[in-house]
Protein backbone atom coordinates (compact mmCIF):
# COMPACT_ATOMS: atom_id res chain seq x y z
CA MET A 1 -16.82 -8.89 -39.33
CA LYS A 2 -19.89 -10.35 -37.66
CA GLN A 3 -22.67 -11.23 -40.10
CA LYS A 4 -25.78 -9.10 -39.75
CA ILE A 5 -29.05 -10.90 -39.02
CA ALA A 6 -32.54 -9.81 -40.11
CA ILE A 7 -35.84 -11.05 -38.69
CA ILE A 8 -38.67 -10.84 -41.23
CA THR A 9 -42.22 -11.72 -40.25
CA GLY A 10 -44.31 -13.37 -42.92
CA ALA A 11 -41.19 -14.37 -44.86
CA SER A 12 -42.35 -17.60 -46.49
CA ARG A 13 -44.20 -15.91 -49.35
CA GLY A 14 -44.97 -12.63 -51.11
CA LEU A 15 -43.12 -9.47 -50.19
CA GLY A 16 -41.55 -10.98 -47.10
CA LYS A 17 -39.97 -13.78 -49.12
CA ASN A 18 -38.71 -11.33 -51.72
CA ALA A 19 -37.19 -9.10 -49.04
CA ALA A 20 -35.50 -12.15 -47.51
CA LEU A 21 -33.93 -13.08 -50.84
CA HIS A 22 -32.71 -9.53 -51.48
CA LEU A 23 -31.19 -9.23 -48.01
CA ALA A 24 -29.61 -12.68 -48.23
CA ALA A 25 -28.02 -11.65 -51.53
CA GLN A 26 -26.37 -8.79 -49.62
CA GLY A 27 -24.83 -11.25 -47.17
CA ILE A 28 -27.39 -10.78 -44.37
CA ALA A 29 -28.51 -13.89 -42.47
CA ILE A 30 -32.28 -14.39 -42.39
CA ILE A 31 -34.57 -15.56 -39.63
CA GLY A 32 -38.04 -15.58 -41.13
CA THR A 33 -41.39 -16.40 -39.64
CA TYR A 34 -44.25 -18.29 -41.22
CA HIS A 35 -47.83 -18.85 -40.18
CA SER A 36 -48.53 -22.47 -41.12
CA ASN A 37 -47.02 -23.59 -44.45
CA THR A 38 -43.88 -25.49 -43.53
CA VAL A 39 -43.25 -26.51 -47.15
CA GLU A 40 -42.93 -22.88 -48.24
CA ALA A 41 -40.82 -22.07 -45.19
CA ASP A 42 -38.41 -24.94 -45.79
CA ALA A 43 -38.18 -24.04 -49.48
CA LEU A 44 -37.03 -20.51 -48.65
CA VAL A 45 -34.30 -21.78 -46.31
CA GLN A 46 -33.11 -24.19 -48.98
CA GLU A 47 -33.10 -21.48 -51.65
CA ILE A 48 -31.06 -19.09 -49.52
CA GLU A 49 -28.61 -21.72 -48.31
CA SER A 50 -28.15 -23.15 -51.82
CA LYS A 51 -26.72 -19.75 -52.76
CA GLY A 52 -24.31 -19.71 -49.82
CA GLY A 53 -26.48 -17.77 -47.40
CA HIS A 54 -27.67 -18.58 -43.90
CA ALA A 55 -31.35 -18.83 -42.95
CA ALA A 56 -33.82 -20.28 -40.48
CA MET A 57 -37.60 -20.18 -40.23
CA LEU A 58 -39.74 -20.10 -37.10
CA LYS A 59 -43.48 -20.56 -36.80
CA LEU A 60 -45.35 -17.48 -35.55
CA ASP A 61 -48.92 -16.22 -35.53
CA VAL A 62 -48.46 -12.44 -35.40
CA GLY A 63 -52.17 -12.08 -34.61
CA ASN A 64 -51.82 -14.05 -31.38
CA SER A 65 -49.73 -12.03 -28.94
CA ALA A 66 -50.12 -14.73 -26.29
CA SER A 67 -47.74 -16.88 -28.37
CA PHE A 68 -44.92 -14.33 -28.41
CA GLY A 69 -43.27 -15.63 -25.25
CA SER A 70 -42.71 -19.10 -26.72
CA PHE A 71 -41.55 -17.53 -29.98
CA ILE A 72 -38.90 -15.50 -28.15
CA THR A 73 -37.69 -18.67 -26.45
CA ALA A 74 -37.38 -20.43 -29.81
CA LEU A 75 -35.69 -17.40 -31.34
CA LYS A 76 -33.07 -17.21 -28.58
CA ASP A 77 -32.31 -20.87 -29.16
CA VAL A 78 -31.86 -20.39 -32.92
CA LEU A 79 -29.71 -17.30 -32.43
CA ARG A 80 -27.45 -19.20 -30.05
CA THR A 81 -27.24 -22.58 -31.79
CA LYS A 82 -27.27 -21.60 -35.47
CA PHE A 83 -25.80 -18.10 -35.47
CA ASN A 84 -23.65 -18.17 -32.30
CA THR A 85 -25.03 -14.88 -31.01
CA GLU A 86 -27.61 -13.45 -28.63
CA HIS A 87 -28.69 -10.52 -30.80
CA PHE A 88 -30.00 -9.65 -34.24
CA ASP A 89 -29.66 -6.42 -36.22
CA TYR A 90 -32.75 -5.77 -38.34
CA LEU A 91 -36.48 -6.30 -37.87
CA VAL A 92 -38.97 -6.15 -40.73
CA ASN A 93 -42.57 -6.18 -39.49
CA ASN A 94 -44.10 -7.46 -42.70
CA ALA A 95 -46.66 -10.19 -41.90
CA GLY A 96 -50.21 -9.28 -42.80
CA ILE A 97 -53.47 -10.12 -44.49
CA GLY A 98 -55.86 -8.18 -46.70
CA ILE A 99 -59.58 -7.95 -46.03
CA ALA A 100 -61.70 -5.92 -48.43
CA ALA A 101 -65.06 -4.92 -46.95
CA ALA A 102 -67.15 -1.79 -47.24
CA LEU A 103 -67.51 0.36 -44.14
CA ALA A 104 -71.16 -0.66 -43.77
CA GLU A 105 -70.31 -4.37 -44.07
CA THR A 106 -67.13 -4.71 -41.98
CA THR A 107 -67.71 -7.05 -39.06
CA GLU A 108 -66.20 -6.69 -35.60
CA GLU A 109 -64.44 -10.00 -36.16
CA GLN A 110 -62.77 -8.67 -39.32
CA PHE A 111 -61.85 -5.42 -37.59
CA GLU A 112 -60.32 -7.24 -34.62
CA GLN A 113 -58.42 -9.64 -36.87
CA LEU A 114 -56.88 -6.76 -38.79
CA ALA A 115 -56.04 -4.93 -35.58
CA ASN A 116 -54.42 -7.99 -34.02
CA ILE A 117 -52.27 -8.82 -37.05
CA HIS A 118 -51.33 -5.36 -38.31
CA LEU A 119 -51.19 -3.26 -35.14
CA LYS A 120 -51.24 -5.11 -31.83
CA GLY A 121 -48.98 -7.84 -33.17
CA PRO A 122 -46.14 -5.61 -34.44
CA PHE A 123 -46.34 -3.38 -31.35
CA PHE A 124 -45.98 -6.13 -28.77
CA LEU A 125 -43.70 -8.34 -30.87
CA THR A 126 -41.29 -5.42 -31.28
CA GLN A 127 -41.57 -4.72 -27.56
CA LYS A 128 -40.56 -8.28 -26.70
CA LEU A 129 -37.73 -8.22 -29.24
CA LEU A 130 -36.16 -5.01 -27.92
CA PRO A 131 -33.71 -6.78 -25.57
CA LEU A 132 -32.48 -8.89 -28.51
CA ILE A 133 -32.03 -6.22 -31.18
CA ALA A 134 -28.51 -4.83 -31.28
CA ASP A 135 -27.84 -1.18 -30.55
CA GLY A 136 -27.43 0.58 -33.88
CA GLY A 137 -29.93 -1.78 -35.49
CA ARG A 138 -32.90 -0.88 -37.64
CA ILE A 139 -36.61 -1.58 -37.88
CA VAL A 140 -38.81 -1.38 -40.98
CA ASN A 141 -42.59 -1.43 -40.54
CA ILE A 142 -44.60 -2.25 -43.65
CA SER A 143 -47.61 -0.01 -44.31
CA THR A 144 -49.55 0.71 -47.51
CA GLY A 145 -50.19 3.42 -50.05
CA LEU A 146 -53.81 3.28 -48.87
CA THR A 147 -52.93 5.50 -45.92
CA ARG A 148 -52.35 8.36 -48.39
CA PHE A 149 -55.04 7.65 -50.99
CA SER A 150 -58.39 5.96 -50.50
CA PHE A 151 -60.26 3.14 -52.21
CA PRO A 152 -63.67 1.94 -50.97
CA GLY A 153 -63.47 -1.33 -49.08
CA TYR A 154 -60.18 -0.78 -47.28
CA ALA A 155 -61.13 1.52 -44.41
CA ALA A 156 -60.32 -0.89 -41.57
CA TYR A 157 -57.12 -2.16 -43.18
CA ALA A 158 -55.85 1.34 -43.94
CA MET A 159 -56.73 2.54 -40.41
CA MET A 160 -54.46 -0.12 -38.92
CA LYS A 161 -51.64 0.80 -41.27
CA GLY A 162 -52.12 4.49 -40.49
CA ALA A 163 -51.59 3.62 -36.84
CA VAL A 164 -48.45 1.68 -37.81
CA GLU A 165 -47.04 4.85 -39.36
CA VAL A 166 -47.62 6.75 -36.11
CA MET A 167 -46.08 3.84 -34.21
CA THR A 168 -42.98 4.11 -36.40
CA ARG A 169 -42.37 7.70 -35.37
CA TYR A 170 -42.75 6.91 -31.69
CA MET A 171 -40.45 3.92 -32.00
CA ALA A 172 -37.85 6.11 -33.71
CA LYS A 173 -38.14 8.68 -30.92
CA GLU A 174 -37.91 6.21 -28.07
CA LEU A 175 -35.23 3.95 -29.57
CA GLY A 176 -33.02 6.74 -30.84
CA ALA A 177 -30.90 6.66 -27.68
CA ARG A 178 -29.83 3.15 -28.69
CA GLY A 179 -29.01 4.24 -32.22
CA ILE A 180 -31.92 2.24 -33.66
CA ALA A 181 -33.52 3.83 -36.72
CA VAL A 182 -37.15 3.02 -37.51
CA ASN A 183 -38.91 3.69 -40.82
CA THR A 184 -42.16 2.89 -42.60
CA LEU A 185 -42.17 1.42 -46.09
CA ALA A 186 -45.52 1.83 -47.86
CA PRO A 187 -46.03 -0.27 -51.02
CA GLY A 188 -48.52 0.71 -53.69
CA ALA A 189 -50.40 -1.83 -55.84
CA ILE A 190 -48.21 -4.95 -56.15
CA GLU A 191 -48.57 -8.17 -58.13
CA THR A 192 -48.72 -10.76 -55.32
CA ASP A 193 -51.30 -13.16 -53.88
CA PHE A 194 -52.09 -10.56 -51.18
CA GLY A 195 -55.82 -9.95 -50.80
CA GLY A 196 -56.60 -12.89 -53.05
CA GLY A 197 -54.17 -11.83 -55.77
CA THR A 198 -56.54 -9.28 -57.31
CA VAL A 199 -53.85 -6.92 -58.63
CA ARG A 200 -51.89 -9.81 -60.08
CA ASP A 201 -54.72 -11.88 -61.53
CA ASN A 202 -57.41 -9.37 -62.54
CA ALA A 203 -56.24 -7.74 -65.77
CA GLN A 204 -58.75 -4.89 -65.48
CA VAL A 205 -57.65 -3.99 -61.95
CA ASN A 206 -54.02 -4.32 -62.94
CA GLN A 207 -54.45 -1.94 -65.85
CA GLN A 208 -56.46 0.50 -63.75
CA PHE A 209 -53.64 0.89 -61.24
CA ALA A 210 -51.02 0.95 -63.99
CA SER A 211 -52.83 3.84 -65.69
CA LEU A 212 -52.77 5.82 -62.41
CA THR A 213 -49.04 5.30 -61.90
CA ALA A 214 -46.37 7.60 -63.32
CA LEU A 215 -44.14 4.68 -64.32
CA GLY A 216 -47.02 3.06 -66.16
CA ARG A 217 -47.25 -0.32 -64.42
CA VAL A 218 -48.09 -1.87 -61.08
CA GLY A 219 -45.35 -2.95 -58.72
CA LEU A 220 -43.59 -6.29 -58.62
CA PRO A 221 -42.35 -8.07 -55.47
CA ASP A 222 -38.78 -7.25 -56.55
CA ASP A 223 -39.61 -3.55 -56.33
CA ILE A 224 -40.47 -3.90 -52.65
CA GLY A 225 -37.86 -6.45 -51.63
CA GLY A 226 -35.23 -4.26 -53.24
CA ALA A 227 -36.50 -1.19 -51.36
CA VAL A 228 -36.34 -3.03 -48.03
CA ALA A 229 -32.75 -4.00 -48.81
CA VAL A 230 -31.92 -0.38 -49.61
CA LEU A 231 -33.43 0.84 -46.34
CA LEU A 232 -31.29 -1.64 -44.42
CA SER A 233 -28.10 -0.89 -46.35
CA ASP A 234 -25.24 1.09 -44.85
CA GLY A 235 -25.99 4.06 -47.08
CA SER A 236 -29.45 4.50 -45.50
CA ARG A 237 -28.32 4.62 -41.87
CA TRP A 238 -29.27 8.33 -41.51
CA ILE A 239 -32.85 7.82 -42.72
CA ASN A 240 -35.09 7.72 -39.65
CA ALA A 241 -38.77 8.16 -38.71
CA GLN A 242 -39.80 8.42 -42.37
CA ARG A 243 -42.70 7.08 -44.39
CA ILE A 244 -41.26 5.97 -47.71
CA GLU A 245 -43.83 5.14 -50.35
CA VAL A 246 -42.74 2.59 -52.97
CA SER A 247 -45.51 2.88 -55.52
CA GLY A 248 -43.98 3.95 -58.82
CA GLY A 249 -45.60 7.34 -58.38
CA ILE A 250 -49.33 6.61 -58.07
CA PHE A 251 -51.70 9.56 -57.64
CA ILE A 252 -49.00 12.21 -57.84
């Protein structure tokens, strides 16, 4: 049986890295992207391959759509030379940044940066990848719990992710004829370095979110990486066009 291949953007650290490790543990080959830190990227490949898996990392700035053409060229080369194929099976649009700024203080530069990375990037990257994704494949777009509940300072970020959730439904509708299922995964508060690592490093913030969550703690990267793996497992093939919140039950 041909080995499945997953492309994960922003895979060198945080939730993307965790998802890569979970999927690799299920026997899925990983092609991850990284923004600039080659040391982290190489370390992930070594970790996966030391456990018998297969992985490669490619440099990509998701916020710069003008670079997507050269990325596709590099991807085709890796698919052919390392994996002996012309197609991949799963796409996880994960790469992102966090910018906290009040509505009255958000600059146009911040707004455009968030839009380019979280919305324009995934839209046009997915578009360019469509000829390479296998029929019957799957796409997971990463959103946020902040599209359902609101905290001051995250208006622009949450707006972009809200648009991603709409994009997911349209992708599912338009790609259904090829048997490609598309879903949104929306994490709650997670202990990572995202947004400066506030949830992880600020004990007061951590406890605040934990107290609002039914399971009594904030999320860990393993909670999200495991959920991505579940969404891409054979048992989830009939889940399509859904927003799945992975938050431990916050604000229920």
